[in-house]
C-alpha atoms as a PDB file:
ATOM      1  CA  UNK A   1      -0.327  -0.196  -0.322  1.00  0.00           C
ATOM      2  CA  UNK A   2       2.769   2.512   0.797  1.00  0.00           C
ATOM      3  CA  UNK A   3       4.424   1.770  -2.353  1.00  0.00           C
ATOM      4  CA  UNK A   4       1.106   2.582  -4.372  1.00  0.00           C
ATOM      5  CA  UNK A   5       0.731   5.544  -2.232  1.00  0.00           C
ATOM      6  CA  UNK A   6       4.579   6.349  -3.597  1.00  0.00           C
ATOM      7  CA  UNK A   7       3.709   5.522  -6.942  1.00  0.00           C
ATOM      8  CA  UNK A   8       0.425   7.605  -7.103  1.00  0.00           C
ATOM      9  CA  UNK A   9       2.019  10.832  -5.782  1.00  0.00           C
ATOM     10  CA  UNK A  10       4.947  10.031  -8.055  1.00  0.00           C
ATOM     11  CA  UNK A  11       2.416  10.302 -10.844  1.00  0.00           C
ATOM     12  CA  UNK A  12       0.480  13.441 -10.119  1.00  0.00           C
ATOM     13  CA  UNK A  13       3.246  15.051  -9.420  1.00  0.00           C
ATOM     14  CA  UNK A  14       4.246  14.451 -13.071  1.00  0.00           C
ATOM     15  CA  UNK A  15       1.098  15.089 -14.373  1.00  0.00           C
ATOM     16  CA  UNK A  16       1.348  18.615 -12.604  1.00  0.00           C
ATOM     17  CA  UNK A  17       4.958  19.780 -14.172  1.00  0.00           C
ATOM     18  CA  UNK A  18       3.775  18.211 -17.637  1.00  0.00           C
ATOM     19  CA  UNK A  19       0.992  21.263 -16.764  1.00  0.00           C
ATOM     20  CA  UNK A  20       3.462  23.518 -15.883  1.00  0.00           C
ATOM     21  CA  UNK A  21       6.269  23.335 -18.985  1.00  0.00           C
ATOM     22  CA  UNK A  22       3.186  23.362 -21.658  1.00  0.00           C
ATOM     23  CA  UNK A  23      -0.008  24.052 -22.267  1.00  0.00           C
ATOM     24  CA  UNK A  24      -3.060  22.148 -21.597  1.00  0.00           C
ATOM     25  CA  UNK A  25      -3.882  21.339 -24.781  1.00  0.00           C
ATOM     26  CA  UNK A  26      -0.422  20.325 -25.873  1.00  0.00           C
ATOM     27  CA  UNK A  27      -0.121  18.060 -22.130  1.00  0.00           C
ATOM     28  CA  UNK A  28      -3.911  16.157 -22.451  1.00  0.00           C
ATOM     29  CA  UNK A  29      -3.286  13.749 -25.406  1.00  0.00           C
ATOM     30  CA  UNK A  30      -0.262  12.614 -23.780  1.00  0.00           C
ATOM     31  CA  UNK A  31      -2.503  12.188 -20.667  1.00  0.00           C
ATOM     32  CA  UNK A  32      -5.648  10.572 -22.321  1.00  0.00           C
ATOM     33  CA  UNK A  33      -3.118   7.754 -23.120  1.00  0.00           C
ATOM     34  CA  UNK A  34      -4.062   6.500 -19.931  1.00  0.00           C
ATOM     35  CA  UNK A  35      -6.819   5.103 -21.553  1.00  0.00           C
ATOM     36  CA  UNK A  36      -4.332   2.693 -23.496  1.00  0.00           C
ATOM     37  CA  UNK A  37      -2.495   1.639 -20.602  1.00  0.00           C
ATOM     38  CA  UNK A  38      -5.735   0.650 -18.729  1.00  0.00           C
ATOM     39  CA  UNK A  39      -7.285  -1.407 -21.325  1.00  0.00           C
ATOM     40  CA  UNK A  40      -3.843  -3.471 -21.983  1.00  0.00           C
ATOM     41  CA  UNK A  41      -3.636  -3.871 -17.404  1.00  0.00           C
ATOM     42  CA  UNK A  42      -6.894  -4.927 -17.527  1.00  0.00           C
ATOM     43  CA  UNK A  43      -6.756  -7.322 -20.148  1.00  0.00           C
ATOM     44  CA  UNK A  44      -2.689  -8.419 -18.531  1.00  0.00           C
ATOM     45  CA  UNK A  45      -4.349  -8.926 -14.922  1.00  0.00           C
ATOM     46  CA  UNK A  46      -7.935  -9.452 -15.452  1.00  0.00           C
ATOM     47  CA  UNK A  47      -8.233 -11.512 -18.838  1.00  0.00           C
ATOM     48  CA  UNK A  48     -10.788  -8.357 -19.501  1.00  0.00           C
ATOM     49  CA  UNK A  49     -11.247  -7.577 -23.122  1.00  0.00           C
ATOM     50  CA  UNK A  50     -12.993  -4.358 -23.832  1.00  0.00           C
ATOM     51  CA  UNK A  51     -16.235  -4.345 -25.429  1.00  0.00           C
ATOM     52  CA  UNK A  52     -17.446  -2.420 -28.777  1.00  0.00           C
ATOM     53  CA  UNK A  53     -18.721   0.765 -26.917  1.00  0.00           C
ATOM     54  CA  UNK A  54     -15.818   1.377 -24.412  1.00  0.00           C
ATOM     55  CA  UNK A  55     -12.974   0.549 -27.794  1.00  0.00           C
ATOM     56  CA  UNK A  56     -15.914   3.656 -29.548  1.00  0.00           C
ATOM     57  CA  UNK A  57     -15.866   6.073 -26.659  1.00  0.00           C
ATOM     58  CA  UNK A  58     -12.262   5.563 -26.323  1.00  0.00           C
ATOM     59  CA  UNK A  59     -11.694   6.568 -29.634  1.00  0.00           C
ATOM     60  CA  UNK A  60     -13.780   9.453 -29.432  1.00  0.00           C
ATOM     61  CA  UNK A  61     -11.931  11.055 -26.766  1.00  0.00           C
ATOM     62  CA  UNK A  62      -8.538  10.422 -28.212  1.00  0.00           C
ATOM     63  CA  UNK A  63      -9.426  11.511 -31.401  1.00  0.00           C
ATOM     64  CA  UNK A  64     -11.253  14.841 -29.343  1.00  0.00           C
ATOM     65  CA  UNK A  65      -7.931  15.586 -28.118  1.00  0.00           C
ATOM     66  CA  UNK A  66      -5.552  14.836 -30.981  1.00  0.00           C
ATOM     67  CA  UNK A  67      -8.089  17.698 -32.827  1.00  0.00           C
ATOM     68  CA  UNK A  68      -7.696  19.941 -30.650  1.00  0.00           C
ATOM     69  CA  UNK A  69      -3.661  19.739 -30.242  1.00  0.00           C
ATOM     70  CA  UNK A  70      -3.779  19.907 -33.917  1.00  0.00           C
ATOM     71  CA  UNK A  71      -6.259  23.179 -33.985  1.00  0.00           C
ATOM     72  CA  UNK A  72      -3.736  24.718 -31.019  1.00  0.00           C
ATOM     73  CA  UNK A  73      -0.762  24.211 -33.166  1.00  0.00           C
ATOM     74  CA  UNK A  74      -2.732  25.699 -36.150  1.00  0.00           C
ATOM     75  CA  UNK A  75      -3.606  28.794 -33.737  1.00  0.00           C
ATOM     76  CA  UNK A  76      -0.490  28.981 -33.028  1.00  0.00           C
ATOM     77  CA  UNK A  77       1.478  29.103 -36.564  1.00  0.00           C
ATOM     78  CA  UNK A  78      -0.843  32.388 -37.254  1.00  0.00           C
ATOM     79  CA  UNK A  79      -0.667  34.134 -34.220  1.00  0.00           C
ATOM     80  CA  UNK A  80       3.183  34.342 -34.799  1.00  0.00           C
ATOM     81  CA  UNK A  81       4.675  37.668 -36.501  1.00  0.00           C
END
């Protein structure tokens, strides 16, 4: 339990540092990679295979995050003199 607490604290600290280093629109797509890792861990540990609706909703979330990242990069290029 102590190890779990330390790993959770280190994870939150890393996320906070990521948001300090870059805009949220840049960091968020990487945070959504948790969906992929959770699916892999769920299968590896529990033998759980995600159903169609889980995969579809995860794909929508990841696609929207990648779209926001793309849009923000385009806006950043337009704002440059």
